[in-house]
Amino acid sequence: MTEVAVHFSRDEIDAQVAASALRADGLHPRLVRDDAMLGVAGTLSIGRFAVLVPADEARRAREVLQEPEREQPEENVVLRAAIIAGGLLALLLAAALLTGR
């Protein structure tokens, strides 16, 4: 049976969550360590983990794990102008303090 990696994560919890989502959809994931681990026996391991599924389940697994498309946040022009004005004021005050005025 050929397996395909469909998800990589930096910690075990994220990998377990991804594998659980796949199991909930009737797929058959397997979690493997993808590099040298820095964890200690009996504690959470850190490092890179891969979630594998049988090759014939790969397309469906990728669909399940795909994050929903996020909406672009609206630009707040007033807030941006206030931040720029505050930054300019801070620069002017700093310049005045440095020149002794």
Protein backbone atom coordinates (compact mmCIF):
# COMPACT_ATOMS: atom_id res chain seq x y z
CA MET A 1 0.00 0.00 0.00
CA THR A 2 1.45 3.36 -1.06
CA GLU A 3 0.97 6.29 1.32
CA VAL A 4 1.03 9.99 0.53
CA ALA A 5 1.79 12.89 2.89
CA VAL A 6 -1.17 15.28 2.96
CA HIS A 7 -0.30 17.46 5.95
CA PHE A 8 2.84 18.62 7.73
CA SER A 9 2.91 20.30 11.13
CA ARG A 10 5.45 21.62 13.61
CA ASP A 11 3.87 19.96 16.62
CA GLU A 12 2.11 16.77 17.51
CA ILE A 13 -1.15 18.41 18.55
CA ASP A 14 -1.71 20.02 15.15
CA ALA A 15 -0.93 16.73 13.43
CA GLN A 16 -3.34 14.85 15.72
CA VAL A 17 -6.10 17.39 14.99
CA ALA A 18 -5.57 16.96 11.23
CA ALA A 19 -5.58 13.17 11.56
CA SER A 20 -8.78 13.32 13.65
CA ALA A 21 -10.51 15.41 10.97
CA LEU A 22 -9.56 12.81 8.38
CA ARG A 23 -10.77 9.92 10.55
CA ALA A 24 -14.07 11.74 11.11
CA ASP A 25 -14.50 11.78 7.32
CA GLY A 26 -13.91 8.02 7.09
CA LEU A 27 -10.29 8.22 5.91
CA HIS A 28 -7.34 6.25 7.27
CA PRO A 29 -4.51 8.62 8.30
CA ARG A 30 -1.24 7.63 9.92
CA LEU A 31 0.93 10.05 11.88
CA VAL A 32 4.71 9.85 11.53
CA ARG A 33 7.65 11.85 12.79
CA ASP A 34 9.31 13.54 9.87
CA ASP A 35 12.60 14.54 11.48
CA ALA A 36 14.71 14.16 14.61
CA MET A 37 12.48 14.82 17.59
CA LEU A 38 13.26 17.09 20.48
CA GLY A 39 10.64 15.66 22.81
CA VAL A 40 11.16 13.58 25.92
CA ALA A 41 9.43 10.26 26.47
CA GLY A 42 6.05 10.82 28.11
CA THR A 43 5.71 14.46 27.02
CA LEU A 44 4.52 16.19 23.89
CA SER A 45 7.04 15.98 21.12
CA ILE A 46 8.02 18.93 19.03
CA GLY A 47 9.50 18.86 15.56
CA ARG A 48 7.94 18.11 12.23
CA PHE A 49 5.13 15.59 11.86
CA ALA A 50 3.55 14.27 8.69
CA VAL A 51 0.06 12.89 8.24
CA LEU A 52 -0.02 10.10 5.67
CA VAL A 53 -3.01 8.50 3.97
CA PRO A 54 -3.33 5.70 1.43
CA ALA A 55 -2.66 7.07 -2.07
CA ASP A 56 -6.23 6.47 -3.18
CA GLU A 57 -7.50 8.71 -0.32
CA ALA A 58 -5.08 11.61 -0.96
CA ARG A 59 -7.40 13.80 -3.04
CA ARG A 60 -10.25 13.55 -0.52
CA ALA A 61 -7.86 14.10 2.41
CA ARG A 62 -6.56 17.31 0.86
CA GLU A 63 -10.13 18.51 0.39
CA VAL A 64 -10.96 17.78 4.03
CA LEU A 65 -7.87 19.55 5.34
CA GLN A 66 -8.19 22.61 3.11
CA GLU A 67 -8.87 25.67 5.22
CA PRO A 68 -11.88 27.76 4.31
CA GLU A 69 -11.13 30.83 2.25
CA ARG A 70 -10.81 33.87 4.48
CA GLU A 71 -12.33 37.21 3.66
CA GLN A 72 -9.94 40.11 3.26
CA PRO A 73 -10.33 42.52 6.18
CA GLU A 74 -11.68 45.93 5.32
CA GLU A 75 -9.08 48.68 5.36
CA ASN A 76 -9.63 51.24 8.13
CA VAL A 77 -8.40 54.48 6.54
CA VAL A 78 -9.00 56.58 9.67
CA LEU A 79 -6.96 54.23 11.84
CA ARG A 80 -4.15 54.14 9.31
CA ALA A 81 -4.07 57.97 9.12
CA ALA A 82 -4.03 58.21 12.94
CA ILE A 83 -1.09 55.80 13.17
CA ILE A 84 0.86 57.72 10.52
CA ALA A 85 0.11 61.06 12.21
CA GLY A 86 1.17 59.64 15.58
CA GLY A 87 4.41 58.35 14.11
CA LEU A 88 5.20 61.70 12.52
CA LEU A 89 4.44 63.51 15.78
CA ALA A 90 6.73 61.14 17.66
CA LEU A 91 9.53 61.81 15.15
CA LEU A 92 9.07 65.58 15.45
CA LEU A 93 9.15 65.39 19.25
CA ALA A 94 12.26 63.21 19.18
CA ALA A 95 14.00 65.63 16.80
CA ALA A 96 13.09 68.58 19.05
CA LEU A 97 14.45 66.78 22.11
CA LEU A 98 17.68 65.87 20.34
CA THR A 99 18.30 69.44 19.17
CA GLY A 100 17.55 70.81 22.64
CA ARG A 101 14.54 72.95 21.76
